[in-house]
Amino acid sequence: MAFNTTNAGANPIGTGAPCYSTPTGCPYDSLNVGAQTFPGAPYQGIDVNPDAVFLNSTDPAAYCDGGAGGVGVLRFDSPCWTANKPLAKITAV
């Protein structure tokens, strides 16, 4: 999952958006992707490596190795993800 924010993403939106100059800022700068397993929750697909993810974060604490393998680049991260599955809700209209 990837998305553009004010200063990050494949095509950053930049500071020209009207929301940038408001006290609350732009909501897309605070989007997060959740990862938590809920017992008995339905899910689809097979996780071939449930203890790992591919992650790109500027926060070293987001990584299993505390960022030792690098931050700010998409990379394989393991072995601390076993108890987590990505959270998503898809609604068809």
PDB file of N, CA and C in Angstrom:
ATOM      1  N   MET A   1       0.848  -1.155   0.000  1.00  0.00           N
ATOM      2  CA  MET A   1       0.000   0.000   0.000  1.00  0.00           C
ATOM      3  C   MET A   1       0.900   1.225   0.000  1.00  0.00           C
ATOM      4  N   ALA A   2       0.594   2.153  -0.830  1.00  0.00           N
ATOM      5  CA  ALA A   2       1.377   3.390  -0.906  1.00  0.00           C
ATOM      6  C   ALA A   2       0.444   4.542  -1.225  1.00  0.00           C
ATOM      7  N   PHE A   3       0.803   5.713  -0.743  1.00  0.00           N
ATOM      8  CA  PHE A   3       0.006   6.903  -1.028  1.00  0.00           C
ATOM      9  C   PHE A   3       0.899   8.129  -0.929  1.00  0.00           C
ATOM     10  N   ASN A   4       0.481   9.183  -1.561  1.00  0.00           N
ATOM     11  CA  ASN A   4       1.226  10.436  -1.540  1.00  0.00           C
ATOM     12  C   ASN A   4       0.809  11.282  -0.340  1.00  0.00           C
ATOM     13  N   THR A   5       1.778  11.958   0.254  1.00  0.00           N
ATOM     14  CA  THR A   5       1.525  12.907   1.333  1.00  0.00           C
ATOM     15  C   THR A   5       2.140  14.242   0.922  1.00  0.00           C
ATOM     16  N   THR A   6       2.183  15.190   1.818  1.00  0.00           N
ATOM     17  CA  THR A   6       2.766  16.482   1.490  1.00  0.00           C
ATOM     18  C   THR A   6       4.204  16.334   1.004  1.00  0.00           C
ATOM     19  N   ASN A   7       4.997  15.539   1.720  1.00  0.00           N
ATOM     20  CA  ASN A   7       6.425  15.451   1.411  1.00  0.00           C
ATOM     21  C   ASN A   7       6.921  14.068   1.030  1.00  0.00           C
ATOM     22  N   ALA A   8       6.054  13.078   0.929  1.00  0.00           N
ATOM     23  CA  ALA A   8       6.502  11.723   0.639  1.00  0.00           C
ATOM     24  C   ALA A   8       5.566  11.054  -0.360  1.00  0.00           C
ATOM     25  N   GLY A   9       6.014   9.926  -0.882  1.00  0.00           N
ATOM     26  CA  GLY A   9       5.245   9.177  -1.858  1.00  0.00           C
ATOM     27  C   GLY A   9       5.869   9.318  -3.232  1.00  0.00           C
ATOM     28  N   ALA A  10       5.343   8.560  -4.190  1.00  0.00           N
ATOM     29  CA  ALA A  10       5.876   8.601  -5.552  1.00  0.00           C
ATOM     30  C   ALA A  10       5.733   9.984  -6.172  1.00  0.00           C
ATOM     31  N   ASN A  11       4.633  10.678  -5.864  1.00  0.00           N
ATOM     32  CA  ASN A  11       4.375  12.029  -6.356  1.00  0.00           C
ATOM     33  C   ASN A  11       3.880  12.904  -5.213  1.00  0.00           C
ATOM     34  N   PRO A  12       4.778  13.388  -4.351  1.00  0.00           N
ATOM     35  CA  PRO A  12       4.333  14.199  -3.209  1.00  0.00           C
ATOM     36  C   PRO A  12       3.429  15.347  -3.642  1.00  0.00           C
ATOM     37  N   ILE A  13       2.424  15.619  -2.841  1.00  0.00           N
ATOM     38  CA  ILE A  13       1.432  16.638  -3.151  1.00  0.00           C
ATOM     39  C   ILE A  13       2.002  18.040  -3.011  1.00  0.00           C
ATOM     40  N   GLY A  14       2.918  18.225  -2.071  1.00  0.00           N
ATOM     41  CA  GLY A  14       3.545  19.528  -1.878  1.00  0.00           C
ATOM     42  C   GLY A  14       2.773  20.405  -0.915  1.00  0.00           C
ATOM     43  N   THR A  15       3.291  21.584  -0.671  1.00  0.00           N
ATOM     44  CA  THR A  15       2.712  22.497   0.312  1.00  0.00           C
ATOM     45  C   THR A  15       1.674  23.447  -0.284  1.00  0.00           C
ATOM     46  N   GLY A  16       1.319  23.267  -1.546  1.00  0.00           N
ATOM     47  CA  GLY A  16       0.361  24.150  -2.193  1.00  0.00           C
ATOM     48  C   GLY A  16      -1.090  23.802  -1.937  1.00  0.00           C
ATOM     49  N   ALA A  17      -1.358  22.651  -1.325  1.00  0.00           N
ATOM     50  CA  ALA A  17      -2.745  22.267  -1.055  1.00  0.00           C
ATOM     51  C   ALA A  17      -3.343  23.187   0.007  1.00  0.00           C
ATOM     52  N   PRO A  18      -4.616  23.553  -0.122  1.00  0.00           N
ATOM     53  CA  PRO A  18      -5.249  24.454   0.847  1.00  0.00           C
ATOM     54  C   PRO A  18      -5.157  23.959   2.289  1.00  0.00           C
ATOM     55  N   CYS A  19      -5.218  22.668   2.494  1.00  0.00           N
ATOM     56  CA  CYS A  19      -5.193  22.140   3.859  1.00  0.00           C
ATOM     57  C   CYS A  19      -3.842  22.345   4.540  1.00  0.00           C
ATOM     58  N   TYR A  20      -2.784  22.525   3.784  1.00  0.00           N
ATOM     59  CA  TYR A  20      -1.447  22.652   4.368  1.00  0.00           C
ATOM     60  C   TYR A  20      -1.327  23.852   5.304  1.00  0.00           C
ATOM     61  N   SER A  21      -2.024  24.919   4.995  1.00  0.00           N
ATOM     62  CA  SER A  21      -1.907  26.141   5.806  1.00  0.00           C
ATOM     63  C   SER A  21      -2.935  26.218   6.941  1.00  0.00           C
ATOM     64  N   THR A  22      -3.703  25.162   7.155  1.00  0.00           N
ATOM     65  CA  THR A  22      -4.676  25.156   8.246  1.00  0.00           C
ATOM     66  C   THR A  22      -4.029  24.615   9.519  1.00  0.00           C
ATOM     67  N   PRO A  23      -4.608  24.911  10.685  1.00  0.00           N
ATOM     68  CA  PRO A  23      -4.038  24.403  11.944  1.00  0.00           C
ATOM     69  C   PRO A  23      -3.990  22.875  12.031  1.00  0.00           C
ATOM     70  N   THR A  24      -4.949  22.211  11.402  1.00  0.00           N
ATOM     71  CA  THR A  24      -4.972  20.745  11.476  1.00  0.00           C
ATOM     72  C   THR A  24      -4.108  20.092  10.403  1.00  0.00           C
ATOM     73  N   GLY A  25      -3.672  20.850   9.416  1.00  0.00           N
ATOM     74  CA  GLY A  25      -2.845  20.277   8.361  1.00  0.00           C
ATOM     75  C   GLY A  25      -3.642  19.417   7.412  1.00  0.00           C
ATOM     76  N   CYS A  26      -2.959  18.641   6.618  1.00  0.00           N
ATOM     77  CA  CYS A  26      -3.613  17.791   5.614  1.00  0.00           C
ATOM     78  C   CYS A  26      -3.837  16.393   6.172  1.00  0.00           C
ATOM     79  N   PRO A  27      -5.053  15.877   6.060  1.00  0.00           N
ATOM     80  CA  PRO A  27      -5.352  14.573   6.641  1.00  0.00           C
ATOM     81  C   PRO A  27      -4.529  13.434   6.045  1.00  0.00           C
ATOM     82  N   TYR A  28      -4.125  13.550   4.794  1.00  0.00           N
ATOM     83  CA  TYR A  28      -3.353  12.466   4.189  1.00  0.00           C
ATOM     84  C   TYR A  28      -1.949  12.368   4.761  1.00  0.00           C
ATOM     85  N   ASP A  29      -1.503  13.357   5.532  1.00  0.00           N
ATOM     86  CA  ASP A  29      -0.202  13.260   6.194  1.00  0.00           C
ATOM     87  C   ASP A  29      -0.256  12.386   7.438  1.00  0.00           C
ATOM     88  N   SER A  30      -1.450  11.968   7.841  1.00  0.00           N
ATOM     89  CA  SER A  30      -1.580  11.134   9.032  1.00  0.00           C
ATOM     90  C   SER A  30      -2.229   9.790   8.734  1.00  0.00           C
ATOM     91  N   LEU A  31      -2.223   9.375   7.489  1.00  0.00           N
ATOM     92  CA  LEU A  31      -2.767   8.061   7.153  1.00  0.00           C
ATOM     93  C   LEU A  31      -1.792   6.997   7.622  1.00  0.00           C
ATOM     94  N   ASN A  32      -2.312   5.922   8.152  1.00  0.00           N
ATOM     95  CA  ASN A  32      -1.479   4.824   8.613  1.00  0.00           C
ATOM     96  C   ASN A  32      -2.067   3.515   8.130  1.00  0.00           C
ATOM     97  N   VAL A  33      -1.242   2.517   8.057  1.00  0.00           N
ATOM     98  CA  VAL A  33      -1.679   1.178   7.711  1.00  0.00           C
ATOM     99  C   VAL A  33      -1.564   0.337   8.965  1.00  0.00           C
ATOM    100  N   GLY A  34      -2.655  -0.284   9.374  1.00  0.00           N
ATOM    101  CA  GLY A  34      -2.654  -1.066  10.598  1.00  0.00           C
ATOM    102  C   GLY A  34      -2.246  -2.499  10.349  1.00  0.00           C
ATOM    103  N   ALA A  35      -1.675  -3.111  11.363  1.00  0.00           N
ATOM    104  CA  ALA A  35      -1.329  -4.526  11.323  1.00  0.00           C
ATOM    105  C   ALA A  35      -1.572  -5.103  12.709  1.00  0.00           C
ATOM    106  N   GLN A  36      -2.647  -5.833  12.844  1.00  0.00           N
ATOM    107  CA  GLN A  36      -2.972  -6.485  14.103  1.00  0.00           C
ATOM    108  C   GLN A  36      -3.869  -7.664  13.780  1.00  0.00           C
ATOM    109  N   THR A  37      -3.674  -8.768  14.448  1.00  0.00           N
ATOM    110  CA  THR A  37      -4.494  -9.942  14.218  1.00  0.00           C
ATOM    111  C   THR A  37      -5.618  -9.995  15.241  1.00  0.00           C
ATOM    112  N   PHE A  38      -6.836 -10.148  14.760  1.00  0.00           N
ATOM    113  CA  PHE A  38      -7.992 -10.303  15.620  1.00  0.00           C
ATOM    114  C   PHE A  38      -8.429 -11.761  15.567  1.00  0.00           C
ATOM    115  N   PRO A  39      -8.391 -12.484  16.687  1.00  0.00           N
ATOM    116  CA  PRO A  39      -8.770 -13.897  16.691  1.00  0.00           C
ATOM    117  C   PRO A  39     -10.161 -14.112  16.094  1.00  0.00           C
ATOM    118  N   GLY A  40     -10.262 -15.052  15.189  1.00  0.00           N
ATOM    119  CA  GLY A  40     -11.535 -15.381  14.567  1.00  0.00           C
ATOM    120  C   GLY A  40     -11.958 -14.456  13.446  1.00  0.00           C
ATOM    121  N   ALA A  41     -11.170 -13.406  13.172  1.00  0.00           N
ATOM    122  CA  ALA A  41     -11.531 -12.472  12.104  1.00  0.00           C
ATOM    123  C   ALA A  41     -11.328 -13.139  10.742  1.00  0.00           C
ATOM    124  N   PRO A  42     -12.231 -12.894   9.810  1.00  0.00           N
ATOM    125  CA  PRO A  42     -12.051 -13.478   8.477  1.00  0.00           C
ATOM    126  C   PRO A  42     -10.910 -12.803   7.727  1.00  0.00           C
ATOM    127  N   TYR A  43     -10.239 -13.554   6.915  1.00  0.00           N
ATOM    128  CA  TYR A  43      -9.212 -12.992   6.046  1.00  0.00           C
ATOM    129  C   TYR A  43      -9.132 -13.840   4.794  1.00  0.00           C
ATOM    130  N   GLN A  44      -8.520 -13.296   3.780  1.00  0.00           N
ATOM    131  CA  GLN A  44      -8.431 -13.965   2.492  1.00  0.00           C
ATOM    132  C   GLN A  44      -6.978 -14.103   2.096  1.00  0.00           C
ATOM    133  N   GLY A  45      -6.624 -15.216   1.510  1.00  0.00           N
ATOM    134  CA  GLY A  45      -5.274 -15.416   1.002  1.00  0.00           C
ATOM    135  C   GLY A  45      -4.403 -16.207   1.950  1.00  0.00           C
ATOM    136  N   ILE A  46      -3.174 -16.423   1.532  1.00  0.00           N
ATOM    137  CA  ILE A  46      -2.203 -17.193   2.299  1.00  0.00           C
ATOM    138  C   ILE A  46      -0.977 -16.327   2.525  1.00  0.00           C
ATOM    139  N   ASP A  47      -0.563 -16.227   3.752  1.00  0.00           N
ATOM    140  CA  ASP A  47       0.652 -15.486   4.087  1.00  0.00           C
ATOM    141  C   ASP A  47       1.805 -16.480   4.053  1.00  0.00           C
ATOM    142  N   VAL A  48       2.621 -16.428   3.026  1.00  0.00           N
ATOM    143  CA  VAL A  48       3.692 -17.411   2.856  1.00  0.00           C
ATOM    144  C   VAL A  48       4.844 -17.198   3.840  1.00  0.00           C
ATOM    145  N   ASN A  49       4.928 -16.035   4.451  1.00  0.00           N
ATOM    146  CA  ASN A  49       5.944 -15.774   5.461  1.00  0.00           C
ATOM    147  C   ASN A  49       5.321 -14.874   6.524  1.00  0.00           C
ATOM    148  N   PRO A  50       4.573 -15.467   7.466  1.00  0.00           N
ATOM    149  CA  PRO A  50       3.821 -14.665   8.432  1.00  0.00           C
ATOM    150  C   PRO A  50       4.679 -13.882   9.421  1.00  0.00           C
ATOM    151  N   ASP A  51       5.972 -14.116   9.424  1.00  0.00           N
ATOM    152  CA  ASP A  51       6.846 -13.424  10.368  1.00  0.00           C
ATOM    153  C   ASP A  51       7.591 -12.254   9.729  1.00  0.00           C
ATOM    154  N   ALA A  52       7.194 -11.892   8.499  1.00  0.00           N
ATOM    155  CA  ALA A  52       7.933 -10.848   7.789  1.00  0.00           C
ATOM    156  C   ALA A  52       6.995  -9.974   6.959  1.00  0.00           C
ATOM    157  N   VAL A  53       7.458  -8.767   6.660  1.00  0.00           N
ATOM    158  CA  VAL A  53       6.752  -7.840   5.776  1.00  0.00           C
ATOM    159  C   VAL A  53       7.782  -7.103   4.934  1.00  0.00           C
ATOM    160  N   PHE A  54       7.321  -6.437   3.909  1.00  0.00           N
ATOM    161  CA  PHE A  54       8.139  -5.456   3.201  1.00  0.00           C
ATOM    162  C   PHE A  54       7.668  -4.104   3.709  1.00  0.00           C
ATOM    163  N   LEU A  55       8.597  -3.288   4.195  1.00  0.00           N
ATOM    164  CA  LEU A  55       8.248  -2.057   4.876  1.00  0.00           C
ATOM    165  C   LEU A  55       9.141  -0.920   4.403  1.00  0.00           C
ATOM    166  N   ASN A  56       8.550   0.269   4.286  1.00  0.00           N
ATOM    167  CA  ASN A  56       9.298   1.482   3.977  1.00  0.00           C
ATOM    168  C   ASN A  56       8.827   2.533   4.968  1.00  0.00           C
ATOM    169  N   SER A  57       9.678   2.860   5.934  1.00  0.00           N
ATOM    170  CA  SER A  57       9.325   3.845   6.945  1.00  0.00           C
ATOM    171  C   SER A  57      10.536   4.709   7.263  1.00  0.00           C
ATOM    172  N   THR A  58      10.285   5.942   7.632  1.00  0.00           N
ATOM    173  CA  THR A  58      11.377   6.812   8.082  1.00  0.00           C
ATOM    174  C   THR A  58      11.577   6.710   9.589  1.00  0.00           C
ATOM    175  N   ASP A  59      10.736   5.914  10.253  1.00  0.00           N
ATOM    176  CA  ASP A  59      10.831   5.725  11.701  1.00  0.00           C
ATOM    177  C   ASP A  59      11.585   4.438  12.006  1.00  0.00           C
ATOM    178  N   PRO A  60      12.797   4.510  12.543  1.00  0.00           N
ATOM    179  CA  PRO A  60      13.570   3.296  12.849  1.00  0.00           C
ATOM    180  C   PRO A  60      12.822   2.325  13.761  1.00  0.00           C
ATOM    181  N   ALA A  61      12.000   2.842  14.651  1.00  0.00           N
ATOM    182  CA  ALA A  61      11.272   1.987  15.586  1.00  0.00           C
ATOM    183  C   ALA A  61      10.230   1.111  14.891  1.00  0.00           C
ATOM    184  N   ALA A  62       9.882   1.406  13.661  1.00  0.00           N
ATOM    185  CA  ALA A  62       8.901   0.609  12.932  1.00  0.00           C
ATOM    186  C   ALA A  62       9.465  -0.736  12.500  1.00  0.00           C
ATOM    187  N   TYR A  63      10.773  -0.864  12.484  1.00  0.00           N
ATOM    188  CA  TYR A  63      11.436  -2.078  12.001  1.00  0.00           C
ATOM    189  C   TYR A  63      11.801  -3.023  13.137  1.00  0.00           C
ATOM    190  N   CYS A  64      11.836  -4.307  12.839  1.00  0.00           N
ATOM    191  CA  CYS A  64      12.228  -5.318  13.827  1.00  0.00           C
ATOM    192  C   CYS A  64      13.651  -5.093  14.321  1.00  0.00           C
ATOM    193  N   ASP A  65      14.529  -4.614  13.443  1.00  0.00           N
ATOM    194  CA  ASP A  65      15.936  -4.420  13.815  1.00  0.00           C
ATOM    195  C   ASP A  65      16.237  -2.990  14.264  1.00  0.00           C
ATOM    196  N   GLY A  66      15.199  -2.215  14.543  1.00  0.00           N
ATOM    197  CA  GLY A  66      15.394  -0.847  14.997  1.00  0.00           C
ATOM    198  C   GLY A  66      15.972   0.073  13.935  1.00  0.00           C
ATOM    199  N   GLY A  67      15.835  -0.311  12.665  1.00  0.00           N
ATOM    200  CA  GLY A  67      16.327   0.512  11.570  1.00  0.00           C
ATOM    201  C   GLY A  67      17.760   0.233  11.173  1.00  0.00           C
ATOM    202  N   ALA A  68      18.395  -0.779  11.786  1.00  0.00           N
ATOM    203  CA  ALA A  68      19.804  -1.077  11.485  1.00  0.00           C
ATOM    204  C   ALA A  68      20.027  -1.430  10.012  1.00  0.00           C
ATOM    205  N   GLY A  69      19.028  -2.027   9.371  1.00  0.00           N
ATOM    206  CA  GLY A  69      19.148  -2.400   7.969  1.00  0.00           C
ATOM    207  C   GLY A  69      18.827  -1.268   7.008  1.00  0.00           C
ATOM    208  N   GLY A  70      18.552  -0.080   7.542  1.00  0.00           N
ATOM    209  CA  GLY A  70      18.231   1.075   6.717  1.00  0.00           C
ATOM    210  C   GLY A  70      16.804   1.532   6.933  1.00  0.00           C
ATOM    211  N   VAL A  71      16.561   2.815   6.727  1.00  0.00           N
ATOM    212  CA  VAL A  71      15.221   3.392   6.821  1.00  0.00           C
ATOM    213  C   VAL A  71      14.958   4.214   5.564  1.00  0.00           C
ATOM    214  N   GLY A  72      13.691   4.428   5.283  1.00  0.00           N
ATOM    215  CA  GLY A  72      13.327   5.249   4.133  1.00  0.00           C
ATOM    216  C   GLY A  72      13.450   4.546   2.802  1.00  0.00           C
ATOM    217  N   VAL A  73      13.583   3.218   2.823  1.00  0.00           N
ATOM    218  CA  VAL A  73      13.609   2.424   1.595  1.00  0.00           C
ATOM    219  C   VAL A  73      12.742   1.186   1.814  1.00  0.00           C
ATOM    220  N   LEU A  74      12.138   0.702   0.753  1.00  0.00           N
ATOM    221  CA  LEU A  74      11.341  -0.515   0.850  1.00  0.00           C
ATOM    222  C   LEU A  74      12.287  -1.682   1.023  1.00  0.00           C
ATOM    223  N   ARG A  75      12.122  -2.410   2.136  1.00  0.00           N
ATOM    224  CA  ARG A  75      12.994  -3.551   2.382  1.00  0.00           C
ATOM    225  C   ARG A  75      12.278  -4.620   3.177  1.00  0.00           C
ATOM    226  N   PHE A  76      12.810  -5.830   3.123  1.00  0.00           N
ATOM    227  CA  PHE A  76      12.301  -6.980   3.854  1.00  0.00           C
ATOM    228  C   PHE A  76      12.557  -6.766   5.337  1.00  0.00           C
ATOM    229  N   ASP A  77      11.546  -6.987   6.175  1.00  0.00           N
ATOM    230  CA  ASP A  77      11.695  -6.801   7.614  1.00  0.00           C
ATOM    231  C   ASP A  77      11.187  -8.037   8.336  1.00  0.00           C
ATOM    232  N   SER A  78      12.012  -8.595   9.192  1.00  0.00           N
ATOM    233  CA  SER A  78      11.698  -9.823   9.906  1.00  0.00           C
ATOM    234  C   SER A  78      12.561  -9.873  11.159  1.00  0.00           C
ATOM    235  N   PRO A  79      12.242 -10.583  12.183  1.00  0.00           N
ATOM    236  CA  PRO A  79      11.207 -11.591  12.414  1.00  0.00           C
ATOM    237  C   PRO A  79      10.207 -11.196  13.490  1.00  0.00           C
ATOM    238  N   CYS A  80       9.539 -10.094  13.388  1.00  0.00           N
ATOM    239  CA  CYS A  80       8.660  -9.686  14.497  1.00  0.00           C
ATOM    240  C   CYS A  80       7.213  -9.461  14.084  1.00  0.00           C
ATOM    241  N   TRP A  81       6.765 -10.041  12.981  1.00  0.00           N
ATOM    242  CA  TRP A  81       5.421  -9.743  12.484  1.00  0.00           C
ATOM    243  C   TRP A  81       4.438 -10.899  12.611  1.00  0.00           C
ATOM    244  N   THR A  82       4.813 -11.988  13.266  1.00  0.00           N
ATOM    245  CA  THR A  82       3.962 -13.174  13.330  1.00  0.00           C
ATOM    246  C   THR A  82       2.563 -12.882  13.852  1.00  0.00           C
ATOM    247  N   ALA A  83       2.444 -12.039  14.834  1.00  0.00           N
ATOM    248  CA  ALA A  83       1.138 -11.775  15.453  1.00  0.00           C
ATOM    249  C   ALA A  83       0.327 -10.725  14.711  1.00  0.00           C
ATOM    250  N   ASN A  84       0.756 -10.326  13.529  1.00  0.00           N
ATOM    251  CA  ASN A  84       0.084  -9.232  12.826  1.00  0.00           C
ATOM    252  C   ASN A  84      -0.290  -9.598  11.397  1.00  0.00           C
ATOM    253  N   LYS A  85      -1.480  -9.187  11.012  1.00  0.00           N
ATOM    254  CA  LYS A  85      -1.926  -9.282   9.627  1.00  0.00           C
ATOM    255  C   LYS A  85      -2.385  -7.890   9.233  1.00  0.00           C
ATOM    256  N   PRO A  86      -2.184  -7.490   7.982  1.00  0.00           N
ATOM    257  CA  PRO A  86      -2.648  -6.164   7.556  1.00  0.00           C
ATOM    258  C   PRO A  86      -4.155  -6.012   7.757  1.00  0.00           C
ATOM    259  N   LEU A  87      -4.580  -4.840   8.164  1.00  0.00           N
ATOM    260  CA  LEU A  87      -5.992  -4.543   8.348  1.00  0.00           C
ATOM    261  C   LEU A  87      -6.517  -3.802   7.138  1.00  0.00           C
ATOM    262  N   ALA A  88      -7.648  -4.226   6.653  1.00  0.00           N
ATOM    263  CA  ALA A  88      -8.250  -3.531   5.514  1.00  0.00           C
ATOM    264  C   ALA A  88      -9.735  -3.849   5.480  1.00  0.00           C
ATOM    265  N   LYS A  89     -10.481  -2.920   4.939  1.00  0.00           N
ATOM    266  CA  LYS A  89     -11.897  -3.137   4.701  1.00  0.00           C
ATOM    267  C   LYS A  89     -12.171  -2.706   3.274  1.00  0.00           C
ATOM    268  N   ILE A  90     -12.684  -3.623   2.503  1.00  0.00           N
ATOM    269  CA  ILE A  90     -12.988  -3.321   1.105  1.00  0.00           C
ATOM    270  C   ILE A  90     -14.500  -3.396   0.950  1.00  0.00           C
ATOM    271  N   THR A  91     -15.078  -2.322   0.463  1.00  0.00           N
ATOM    272  CA  THR A  91     -16.511  -2.249   0.284  1.00  0.00           C
ATOM    273  C   THR A  91     -16.840  -2.035  -1.179  1.00  0.00           C
ATOM    274  N   ALA A  92     -17.675  -2.874  -1.731  1.00  0.00           N
ATOM    275  CA  ALA A  92     -18.109  -2.715  -3.115  1.00  0.00           C
ATOM    276  C   ALA A  92     -19.443  -1.979  -3.119  1.00  0.00           C
ATOM    277  N   VAL A  93     -19.565  -0.990  -3.998  1.00  0.00           N
ATOM    278  CA  VAL A  93     -20.803  -0.217  -4.081  1.00  0.00           C
ATOM    279  C   VAL A  93     -21.505  -0.528  -5.378  1.00  0.00           C
TER     280      VAL A  93
END
